[in-house]
Amino acid sequence: QVRLVEFGGALVQPGDSLRLSCAASGFPFNTSVLRWSRQAPGNQRELVASISEDGTLTHYVNFVKGRFTISRDNVKNMVFLQMNSLASDDTAVYYCNVRLGSTGQWGQGTPVTVAS
């Protein structure tokens, strides 16, 4: 059974940093590309970042480049998202996700609110 559990979301102020974590199980973690996505209120879910199986290749969407860093621990089966210089536009529910075959698997999400 595939399981993705995100945690670390919080209410923070603009300019603050936050680190999200996702614990994964039930699939071949070490051979899977992992992703973080987010969904802001009233918006569609959007990709934020992805990381290759061995962690050497990362991809970021433009609006987080230079501020967010995705990483993974293939021993502990975890993926992380370090978020710096947070702004109100980063307010969203953040999800880790993986595509297994033709099916996307998602966690329940962790909410991040950036407000002064």
C-alpha atoms as a PDB file:
ATOM      1  CA  GLN A   1       0.000   0.000   0.000  1.00  0.00           C
ATOM      2  CA  VAL A   2       1.478   3.305  -1.103  1.00  0.00           C
ATOM      3  CA  ARG A   3       1.681   5.847   1.666  1.00  0.00           C
ATOM      4  CA  LEU A   4       2.914   9.431   1.549  1.00  0.00           C
ATOM      5  CA  VAL A   5       2.713  11.470   4.736  1.00  0.00           C
ATOM      6  CA  GLU A   6       3.663  15.130   4.667  1.00  0.00           C
ATOM      7  CA  PHE A   7       4.393  17.207   7.722  1.00  0.00           C
ATOM      8  CA  GLY A   8       6.055  20.449   8.731  1.00  0.00           C
ATOM      9  CA  GLY A   9       3.504  22.965   7.486  1.00  0.00           C
ATOM     10  CA  ALA A  10       2.891  25.979   9.684  1.00  0.00           C
ATOM     11  CA  LEU A  11       1.827  29.599   9.936  1.00  0.00           C
ATOM     12  CA  VAL A  12       4.878  31.772   9.266  1.00  0.00           C
ATOM     13  CA  GLN A  13       5.628  35.395   8.490  1.00  0.00           C
ATOM     14  CA  PRO A  14       6.841  36.754   5.146  1.00  0.00           C
ATOM     15  CA  GLY A  15      10.560  36.215   4.790  1.00  0.00           C
ATOM     16  CA  ASP A  16      10.616  33.201   7.091  1.00  0.00           C
ATOM     17  CA  SER A  17      11.895  29.735   6.237  1.00  0.00           C
ATOM     18  CA  LEU A  18      10.188  26.370   6.613  1.00  0.00           C
ATOM     19  CA  ARG A  19      11.175  22.788   5.926  1.00  0.00           C
ATOM     20  CA  LEU A  20       8.571  20.283   4.806  1.00  0.00           C
ATOM     21  CA  SER A  21       9.088  16.555   5.096  1.00  0.00           C
ATOM     22  CA  CYS A  22       7.380  13.591   3.493  1.00  0.00           C
ATOM     23  CA  ALA A  23       7.677  10.010   4.691  1.00  0.00           C
ATOM     24  CA  ALA A  24       7.069   7.424   1.982  1.00  0.00           C
ATOM     25  CA  SER A  25       6.392   3.706   2.010  1.00  0.00           C
ATOM     26  CA  GLY A  26       4.819   0.946  -0.048  1.00  0.00           C
ATOM     27  CA  PHE A  27       6.659   1.487  -3.333  1.00  0.00           C
ATOM     28  CA  PRO A  28      10.261   1.325  -4.644  1.00  0.00           C
ATOM     29  CA  PHE A  29      11.360   4.672  -3.283  1.00  0.00           C
ATOM     30  CA  ASN A  30      14.964   4.522  -4.488  1.00  0.00           C
ATOM     31  CA  THR A  31      13.888   4.122  -8.127  1.00  0.00           C
ATOM     32  CA  SER A  32      11.147   6.750  -8.143  1.00  0.00           C
ATOM     33  CA  VAL A  33      11.142  10.409  -9.080  1.00  0.00           C
ATOM     34  CA  LEU A  34       9.589  12.394  -6.255  1.00  0.00           C
ATOM     35  CA  ARG A  35       7.757  15.674  -6.526  1.00  0.00           C
ATOM     36  CA  TRP A  36       6.361  18.443  -4.372  1.00  0.00           C
ATOM     37  CA  SER A  37       3.246  20.201  -5.597  1.00  0.00           C
ATOM     38  CA  ARG A  38       0.967  22.772  -4.010  1.00  0.00           C
ATOM     39  CA  GLN A  39      -2.575  24.012  -4.211  1.00  0.00           C
ATOM     40  CA  ALA A  40      -3.487  27.506  -3.137  1.00  0.00           C
ATOM     41  CA  PRO A  41      -7.079  28.381  -2.243  1.00  0.00           C
ATOM     42  CA  GLY A  42      -9.133  28.713  -5.404  1.00  0.00           C
ATOM     43  CA  ASN A  43      -6.293  27.552  -7.624  1.00  0.00           C
ATOM     44  CA  GLN A  44      -5.384  24.342  -9.374  1.00  0.00           C
ATOM     45  CA  ARG A  45      -2.690  22.101  -8.010  1.00  0.00           C
ATOM     46  CA  GLU A  46       0.715  22.982  -9.464  1.00  0.00           C
ATOM     47  CA  LEU A  47       4.123  21.383  -9.534  1.00  0.00           C
ATOM     48  CA  VAL A  48       6.758  23.046  -7.361  1.00  0.00           C
ATOM     49  CA  ALA A  49       9.830  20.843  -7.638  1.00  0.00           C
ATOM     50  CA  SER A  50      10.984  17.355  -8.553  1.00  0.00           C
ATOM     51  CA  ILE A  51      14.042  15.249  -7.785  1.00  0.00           C
ATOM     52  CA  SER A  52      15.557  12.310  -9.592  1.00  0.00           C
ATOM     53  CA  GLU A  53      15.868   8.828  -8.173  1.00  0.00           C
ATOM     54  CA  ASP A  54      19.392   9.348  -6.902  1.00  0.00           C
ATOM     55  CA  GLY A  55      18.918  12.982  -5.962  1.00  0.00           C
ATOM     56  CA  THR A  56      21.447  14.358  -8.427  1.00  0.00           C
ATOM     57  CA  LEU A  57      18.922  16.077 -10.694  1.00  0.00           C
ATOM     58  CA  THR A  58      16.370  18.604  -9.511  1.00  0.00           C
ATOM     59  CA  HIS A  59      13.830  20.749 -11.270  1.00  0.00           C
ATOM     60  CA  TYR A  60      12.048  23.831  -9.987  1.00  0.00           C
ATOM     61  CA  VAL A  61       9.297  25.962 -11.384  1.00  0.00           C
ATOM     62  CA  ASN A  62      10.259  29.563 -11.954  1.00  0.00           C
ATOM     63  CA  PHE A  63       8.416  31.060  -9.025  1.00  0.00           C
ATOM     64  CA  VAL A  64      10.428  29.089  -6.460  1.00  0.00           C
ATOM     65  CA  LYS A  65      13.856  28.992  -8.100  1.00  0.00           C
ATOM     66  CA  GLY A  66      16.532  30.243  -5.753  1.00  0.00           C
ATOM     67  CA  ARG A  67      14.199  30.048  -2.750  1.00  0.00           C
ATOM     68  CA  PHE A  68      13.178  26.393  -2.467  1.00  0.00           C
ATOM     69  CA  THR A  69      15.369  23.295  -2.358  1.00  0.00           C
ATOM     70  CA  ILE A  70      14.145  19.738  -2.787  1.00  0.00           C
ATOM     71  CA  SER A  71      16.178  16.856  -1.378  1.00  0.00           C
ATOM     72  CA  ARG A  72      15.717  13.222  -0.467  1.00  0.00           C
ATOM     73  CA  ASP A  73      17.052  10.561   1.851  1.00  0.00           C
ATOM     74  CA  ASN A  74      16.990   7.174   0.153  1.00  0.00           C
ATOM     75  CA  VAL A  75      17.894   5.401   3.392  1.00  0.00           C
ATOM     76  CA  LYS A  76      14.997   6.826   5.384  1.00  0.00           C
ATOM     77  CA  ASN A  77      12.610   6.990   2.391  1.00  0.00           C
ATOM     78  CA  MET A  78      11.938  10.663   2.875  1.00  0.00           C
ATOM     79  CA  VAL A  79      11.760  13.714   0.659  1.00  0.00           C
ATOM     80  CA  PHE A  80      12.131  17.282   1.850  1.00  0.00           C
ATOM     81  CA  LEU A  81      11.347  20.787   0.700  1.00  0.00           C
ATOM     82  CA  GLN A  82      13.362  23.604   2.215  1.00  0.00           C
ATOM     83  CA  MET A  83      11.522  26.879   1.633  1.00  0.00           C
ATOM     84  CA  ASN A  84      13.251  30.205   2.194  1.00  0.00           C
ATOM     85  CA  SER A  85      12.121  33.793   1.753  1.00  0.00           C
ATOM     86  CA  LEU A  86       8.502  32.776   1.964  1.00  0.00           C
ATOM     87  CA  ALA A  87       5.896  35.164   0.639  1.00  0.00           C
ATOM     88  CA  SER A  88       2.129  35.365   0.906  1.00  0.00           C
ATOM     89  CA  ASP A  89       1.840  33.843  -2.583  1.00  0.00           C
ATOM     90  CA  ASP A  90       3.402  30.662  -1.182  1.00  0.00           C
ATOM     91  CA  THR A  91       0.358  30.070   0.986  1.00  0.00           C
ATOM     92  CA  ALA A  92      -1.010  26.672  -0.069  1.00  0.00           C
ATOM     93  CA  VAL A  93      -1.397  23.061   0.869  1.00  0.00           C
ATOM     94  CA  TYR A  94       1.806  21.265  -0.101  1.00  0.00           C
ATOM     95  CA  TYR A  95       1.772  17.675  -1.321  1.00  0.00           C
ATOM     96  CA  CYS A  96       4.483  15.189  -2.037  1.00  0.00           C
ATOM     97  CA  ASN A  97       3.658  12.876  -4.885  1.00  0.00           C
ATOM     98  CA  VAL A  98       5.005  10.119  -7.062  1.00  0.00           C
ATOM     99  CA  ARG A  99       3.925   8.635 -10.347  1.00  0.00           C
ATOM    100  CA  LEU A 100       3.794   4.854 -10.380  1.00  0.00           C
ATOM    101  CA  GLY A 101       3.093   3.635 -13.881  1.00  0.00           C
ATOM    102  CA  SER A 102       0.140   5.689 -15.093  1.00  0.00           C
ATOM    103  CA  THR A 103      -1.129   6.516 -11.617  1.00  0.00           C
ATOM    104  CA  GLY A 104      -0.210   9.481  -9.481  1.00  0.00           C
ATOM    105  CA  GLN A 105      -0.026   8.868  -5.762  1.00  0.00           C
ATOM    106  CA  TRP A 106      -0.483  11.753  -3.342  1.00  0.00           C
ATOM    107  CA  GLY A 107      -0.267  12.387   0.327  1.00  0.00           C
ATOM    108  CA  GLN A 108      -2.906  14.247   2.326  1.00  0.00           C
ATOM    109  CA  GLY A 109      -0.925  17.477   2.204  1.00  0.00           C
ATOM    110  CA  THR A 110       0.425  19.858   4.804  1.00  0.00           C
ATOM    111  CA  PRO A 111      -0.802  23.468   4.965  1.00  0.00           C
ATOM    112  CA  VAL A 112       1.558  26.419   4.781  1.00  0.00           C
ATOM    113  CA  THR A 113       0.254  29.884   5.553  1.00  0.00           C
ATOM    114  CA  VAL A 114       2.425  32.947   5.078  1.00  0.00           C
ATOM    115  CA  ALA A 115       0.950  36.007   6.737  1.00  0.00           C
ATOM    116  CA  SER A 116       2.137  38.947   8.803  1.00  0.00           C
END
